[in-house]
C-alpha atoms as a PDB file:
ATOM      1  CA  MET A   1     208.286  89.237  95.022  1.00  0.00           C
ATOM      2  CA  SER A   2     210.485  91.901  95.981  1.00  0.00           C
ATOM      3  CA  SER A   3     214.072  91.415  96.169  1.00  0.00           C
ATOM      4  CA  LEU A   4     214.228  91.342  99.974  1.00  0.00           C
ATOM      5  CA  ALA A   5     211.691  88.693 100.278  1.00  0.00           C
ATOM      6  CA  GLU A   6     213.662  86.518  97.768  1.00  0.00           C
ATOM      7  CA  SER A   7     216.950  87.220  99.598  1.00  0.00           C
ATOM      8  CA  ILE A   8     215.388  86.235 102.815  1.00  0.00           C
ATOM      9  CA  LEU A   9     213.976  83.141 101.231  1.00  0.00           C
ATOM     10  CA  GLU A  10     217.539  82.140  99.668  1.00  0.00           C
ATOM     11  CA  THR A  11     218.888  82.595 103.398  1.00  0.00           C
ATOM     12  CA  GLN A  12     216.729  80.460 104.878  1.00  0.00           C
ATOM     13  CA  ASN A  13     216.866  77.871 102.536  1.00  0.00           C
ATOM     14  CA  ASN A  14     221.112  78.139 102.840  1.00  0.00           C
ATOM     15  CA  TYR A  15     220.536  77.785 106.405  1.00  0.00           C
ATOM     16  CA  GLU A  16     218.259  74.574 106.078  1.00  0.00           C
ATOM     17  CA  GLN A  17     220.476  72.971 104.001  1.00  0.00           C
ATOM     18  CA  ARG A  18     223.681  73.567 106.360  1.00  0.00           C
ATOM     19  CA  PHE A  19     221.781  71.559 109.198  1.00  0.00           C
ATOM     20  CA  ASN A  20     219.962  68.957 106.816  1.00  0.00           C
ATOM     21  CA  CYS A  21     221.205  65.571 106.217  1.00  0.00           C
ATOM     22  CA  ALA A  22     222.825  65.690 102.710  1.00  0.00           C
ATOM     23  CA  VAL A  23     221.732  62.175 101.994  1.00  0.00           C
ATOM     24  CA  CYS A  24     218.001  62.271 102.793  1.00  0.00           C
ATOM     25  CA  LEU A  25     217.733  66.007 102.710  1.00  0.00           C
ATOM     26  CA  CYS A  26     216.047  65.935 105.995  1.00  0.00           C
ATOM     27  CA  PRO A  27     216.613  67.795 109.325  1.00  0.00           C
ATOM     28  CA  LYS A  28     217.377  65.130 111.977  1.00  0.00           C
ATOM     29  CA  LEU A  29     218.259  65.572 115.500  1.00  0.00           C
ATOM     30  CA  HIS A  30     220.902  62.792 115.706  1.00  0.00           C
ATOM     31  CA  MET A  31     223.501  63.991 113.667  1.00  0.00           C
ATOM     32  CA  VAL A  32     227.079  62.572 113.247  1.00  0.00           C
ATOM     33  CA  TYR A  33     229.966  64.656 112.380  1.00  0.00           C
ATOM     34  CA  GLY A  34     232.935  63.150 110.697  1.00  0.00           C
ATOM     35  CA  HIS A  35     236.795  63.929 110.750  1.00  0.00           C
ATOM     36  CA  CYS A  36     236.022  66.047 107.448  1.00  0.00           C
ATOM     37  CA  GLN A  37     233.542  67.985 109.353  1.00  0.00           C
ATOM     38  CA  HIS A  38     230.540  66.864 107.264  1.00  0.00           C
ATOM     39  CA  ASN A  39     227.673  65.736 109.119  1.00  0.00           C
ATOM     40  CA  PHE A  40     224.984  63.093 108.296  1.00  0.00           C
ATOM     41  CA  CYS A  41     221.828  61.499 110.194  1.00  0.00           C
ATOM     42  CA  VAL A  42     222.359  58.242 111.943  1.00  0.00           C
ATOM     43  CA  ASP A  43     219.435  56.790 109.869  1.00  0.00           C
ATOM     44  CA  CYS A  44     221.520  57.229 106.678  1.00  0.00           C
ATOM     45  CA  LEU A  45     224.867  56.400 108.085  1.00  0.00           C
ATOM     46  CA  TYR A  46     224.229  53.181 110.337  1.00  0.00           C
ATOM     47  CA  ASP A  47     222.095  49.916 109.686  1.00  0.00           C
ATOM     48  CA  ALA A  48     219.452  48.592 112.176  1.00  0.00           C
ATOM     49  CA  GLY A  49     222.695  46.744 113.906  1.00  0.00           C
ATOM     50  CA  GLY A  50     224.359  50.135 114.539  1.00  0.00           C
ATOM     51  CA  ASN A  51     227.106  49.204 112.155  1.00  0.00           C
ATOM     52  CA  ILE A  52     228.286  51.823 109.301  1.00  0.00           C
ATOM     53  CA  ARG A  53     226.604  50.989 106.009  1.00  0.00           C
ATOM     54  CA  THR A  54     229.179  49.984 103.133  1.00  0.00           C
ATOM     55  CA  SER A  55     228.323  52.702 101.107  1.00  0.00           C
ATOM     56  CA  MET A  56     229.320  55.183 103.989  1.00  0.00           C
ATOM     57  CA  ILE A  57     232.594  54.001 104.702  1.00  0.00           C
ATOM     58  CA  LYS A  58     233.966  57.063 102.471  1.00  0.00           C
ATOM     59  CA  CYS A  59     232.040  60.327 103.217  1.00  0.00           C
ATOM     60  CA  PRO A  60     229.755  60.748 100.393  1.00  0.00           C
ATOM     61  CA  THR A  61     230.598  64.450 100.185  1.00  0.00           C
ATOM     62  CA  CYS A  62     234.290  64.543 100.047  1.00  0.00           C
ATOM     63  CA  GLN A  63     235.183  60.882  99.586  1.00  0.00           C
ATOM     64  CA  MET A  64     237.404  60.871 102.813  1.00  0.00           C
ATOM     65  CA  ASP A  65     238.202  57.221 103.966  1.00  0.00           C
ATOM     66  CA  ARG A  66     236.701  56.362 107.477  1.00  0.00           C
ATOM     67  CA  ALA A  67     235.475  59.638 108.056  1.00  0.00           C
ATOM     68  CA  PHE A  68     232.804  58.193 110.385  1.00  0.00           C
ATOM     69  CA  PRO A  69     232.791  55.881 113.419  1.00  0.00           C
ATOM     70  CA  LYS A  70     232.326  51.880 112.487  1.00  0.00           C
ATOM     71  CA  THR A  71     229.270  51.594 114.897  1.00  0.00           C
ATOM     72  CA  ARG A  72     226.715  54.219 115.827  1.00  0.00           C
ATOM     73  CA  PRO A  73     228.042  56.502 118.426  1.00  0.00           C
ATOM     74  CA  ASP A  74     225.839  57.971 121.246  1.00  0.00           C
ATOM     75  CA  ILE A  75     224.802  61.619 120.743  1.00  0.00           C
ATOM     76  CA  PRO A  76     225.495  63.847 123.388  1.00  0.00           C
ATOM     77  CA  ASP A  77     222.345  65.810 124.889  1.00  0.00           C
ATOM     78  CA  ASP A  78     224.061  68.954 124.307  1.00  0.00           C
ATOM     79  CA  ASN A  79     224.011  68.332 120.735  1.00  0.00           C
ATOM     80  CA  LEU A  80     220.364  67.205 120.569  1.00  0.00           C
ATOM     81  CA  GLU A  81     219.229  70.473 122.390  1.00  0.00           C
ATOM     82  CA  MET A  82     221.427  72.545 120.114  1.00  0.00           C
ATOM     83  CA  MET A  83     219.432  71.208 116.926  1.00  0.00           C
ATOM     84  CA  ARG A  84     216.112  71.633 118.923  1.00  0.00           C
ATOM     85  CA  CYS A  85     217.502  75.347 119.244  1.00  0.00           C
ATOM     86  CA  LEU A  86     217.978  75.894 115.747  1.00  0.00           C
ATOM     87  CA  GLY A  87     214.312  74.744 114.745  1.00  0.00           C
ATOM     88  CA  ILE A  88     214.246  71.122 114.296  1.00  0.00           C
ATOM     89  CA  GLN A  89     211.471  69.456 115.952  1.00  0.00           C
ATOM     90  CA  SER A  90     209.896  65.833 116.070  1.00  0.00           C
ATOM     91  CA  CYS A  91     206.160  65.086 115.156  1.00  0.00           C
ATOM     92  CA  GLU A  92     204.374  64.748 118.342  1.00  0.00           C
ATOM     93  CA  ASN A  93     201.917  62.214 116.845  1.00  0.00           C
ATOM     94  CA  LYS A  94     202.382  58.741 118.664  1.00  0.00           C
ATOM     95  CA  GLY A  95     204.106  56.445 116.420  1.00  0.00           C
ATOM     96  CA  CYS A  96     205.392  59.153 114.075  1.00  0.00           C
ATOM     97  CA  ASP A  97     209.337  59.267 114.142  1.00  0.00           C
ATOM     98  CA  VAL A  98     209.444  62.318 111.564  1.00  0.00           C
ATOM     99  CA  GLU A  99     211.790  65.172 112.422  1.00  0.00           C
ATOM    100  CA  LEU A 100     211.498  68.486 110.687  1.00  0.00           C
ATOM    101  CA  TRP A 101     211.756  72.063 110.815  1.00  0.00           C
ATOM    102  CA  GLN A 102     209.467  74.129 113.345  1.00  0.00           C
ATOM    103  CA  TRP A 103     207.895  75.854 110.286  1.00  0.00           C
ATOM    104  CA  GLU A 104     207.062  72.723 108.503  1.00  0.00           C
ATOM    105  CA  LEU A 105     205.461  71.139 111.619  1.00  0.00           C
ATOM    106  CA  GLU A 106     201.972  72.547 111.383  1.00  0.00           C
ATOM    107  CA  ASP A 107     201.753  71.362 107.624  1.00  0.00           C
ATOM    108  CA  HIS A 108     203.003  68.179 108.938  1.00  0.00           C
ATOM    109  CA  VAL A 109     200.628  67.526 111.770  1.00  0.00           C
ATOM    110  CA  ARG A 110     197.790  68.347 109.395  1.00  0.00           C
ATOM    111  CA  SER A 111     198.539  65.285 107.038  1.00  0.00           C
ATOM    112  CA  CYS A 112     200.330  63.001 109.476  1.00  0.00           C
ATOM    113  CA  PRO A 113     199.266  59.483 108.870  1.00  0.00           C
ATOM    114  CA  ASN A 114     199.581  58.703 112.889  1.00  0.00           C
ATOM    115  CA  ARG A 115     197.245  61.695 113.682  1.00  0.00           C
ATOM    116  CA  VAL A 116     194.588  61.370 115.940  1.00  0.00           C
ATOM    117  CA  THR A 117     191.275  62.553 114.717  1.00  0.00           C
ATOM    118  CA  THR A 118     187.907  62.964 116.562  1.00  0.00           C
ATOM    119  CA  PRO A 119     185.153  61.539 114.901  1.00  0.00           C
ATOM    120  CA  LYS A 120     182.285  63.257 113.688  1.00  0.00           C
ATOM    121  CA  THR A 121     179.126  62.533 115.792  1.00  0.00           C
ATOM    122  CA  PRO A 122     175.810  62.035 113.541  1.00  0.00           C
ATOM    123  CA  TYR A 123     174.015  64.101 116.701  1.00  0.00           C
ATOM    124  CA  SER A 124     175.413  67.614 116.090  1.00  0.00           C
ATOM    125  CA  ARG A 125     173.188  70.478 116.725  1.00  0.00           C
ATOM    126  CA  PRO A 126     173.383  72.955 113.962  1.00  0.00           C
ATOM    127  CA  HIS A 127     171.281  75.456 115.320  1.00  0.00           C
ATOM    128  CA  ILE A 128     173.596  76.181 118.286  1.00  0.00           C
ATOM    129  CA  LYS A 129     176.509  78.217 117.263  1.00  0.00           C
ATOM    130  CA  SER A 130     178.923  79.937 119.319  1.00  0.00           C
ATOM    131  CA  GLU A 131     180.675  83.047 117.926  1.00  0.00           C
ATOM    132  CA  SER A 132     184.179  81.390 118.497  1.00  0.00           C
ATOM    133  CA  SER A 133     183.211  78.554 116.230  1.00  0.00           C
ATOM    134  CA  THR A 134     181.772  81.114 113.773  1.00  0.00           C
ATOM    135  CA  SER A 135     184.979  82.876 113.753  1.00  0.00           C
ATOM    136  CA  THR A 136     187.115  79.735 113.551  1.00  0.00           C
ATOM    137  CA  LYS A 137     185.062  78.697 110.402  1.00  0.00           C
ATOM    138  CA  LYS A 138     185.735  81.994 108.686  1.00  0.00           C
ATOM    139  CA  ALA A 139     189.220  81.731 109.637  1.00  0.00           C
ATOM    140  CA  LYS A 140     189.486  78.493 107.985  1.00  0.00           C
ATOM    141  CA  LYS A 141     187.642  79.495 104.854  1.00  0.00           C
ATOM    142  CA  GLU A 142     189.838  82.644 104.496  1.00  0.00           C
ATOM    143  CA  SER A 143     193.260  80.333 104.756  1.00  0.00           C
ATOM    144  CA  VAL A 144     191.677  77.711 102.483  1.00  0.00           C
ATOM    145  CA  ALA A 145     190.876  80.548  99.922  1.00  0.00           C
ATOM    146  CA  SER A 146     194.344  82.224  99.727  1.00  0.00           C
ATOM    147  CA  PRO A 147     196.628  80.673  97.194  1.00  0.00           C
ATOM    148  CA  PRO A 148     199.600  79.036  98.241  1.00  0.00           C
ATOM    149  CA  THR A 149     202.941  81.116  98.930  1.00  0.00           C
ATOM    150  CA  THR A 150     206.125  80.560  97.059  1.00  0.00           C
ATOM    151  CA  ARG A 151     207.494  79.113 100.267  1.00  0.00           C
ATOM    152  CA  GLN A 152     204.499  76.659 100.652  1.00  0.00           C
ATOM    153  CA  SER A 153     204.903  75.345  96.849  1.00  0.00           C
ATOM    154  CA  GLY A 154     208.839  75.065  97.911  1.00  0.00           C
ATOM    155  CA  ASN A 155     207.938  72.804 100.959  1.00  0.00           C
ATOM    156  CA  VAL A 156     205.885  70.634  98.697  1.00  0.00           C
ATOM    157  CA  VAL A 157     208.737  70.242  96.277  1.00  0.00           C
ATOM    158  CA  LEU A 158     211.172  69.484  98.896  1.00  0.00           C
ATOM    159  CA  ARG A 159     209.040  66.698 100.431  1.00  0.00           C
ATOM    160  CA  ARG A 160     208.690  65.128  97.121  1.00  0.00           C
ATOM    161  CA  LEU A 161     212.451  65.146  96.485  1.00  0.00           C
ATOM    162  CA  ARG A 162     212.792  63.756 100.370  1.00  0.00           C
ATOM    163  CA  SER A 163     210.602  60.960  99.657  1.00  0.00           C
ATOM    164  CA  PHE A 164     212.061  59.968  96.282  1.00  0.00           C
ATOM    165  CA  ARG A 165     215.737  60.087  98.016  1.00  0.00           C
ATOM    166  CA  ARG A 166     214.236  58.073 100.687  1.00  0.00           C
ATOM    167  CA  SER A 167     212.822  55.416  98.324  1.00  0.00           C
ATOM    168  CA  SER A 168     216.012  55.248  96.047  1.00  0.00           C
ATOM    169  CA  LEU A 169     218.323  54.408  99.588  1.00  0.00           C
ATOM    170  CA  LEU A 170     215.729  51.374 100.240  1.00  0.00           C
END
């Protein structure tokens, strides 16, 4: 990989980490900023009742005492819009509450457990082929045949790390 590509990849990773929650390592729309200027998602900071978790009374990053509100605050719409402008998106599948970077959304939608799939009918007509379906099949074959890029491999590792962090928080 060229040094320019490596530099761009490193810059993007640093950018992502700046806006990800430092506890679950995920990008979230609902982030809370503490008095210490560190930010964490509301899912990590607060329990289901909206009260701060006992492990979060001190900021996990700098250990500042009572850096975050005791009860879950309302996140202003401006903050939500700012996070969307940065590239954080929600999965559009009904029942899925995953939030991730816009460039990760396509991979997630393909493997989302809540995605709606259309069942294959047993009465398909293989002898009728349109040009668009043939070109789509060729495009799918080409995309499957290409080896994974470093970025795709990095996303897989990051997803595994996030799932490990989530399971250790529970």
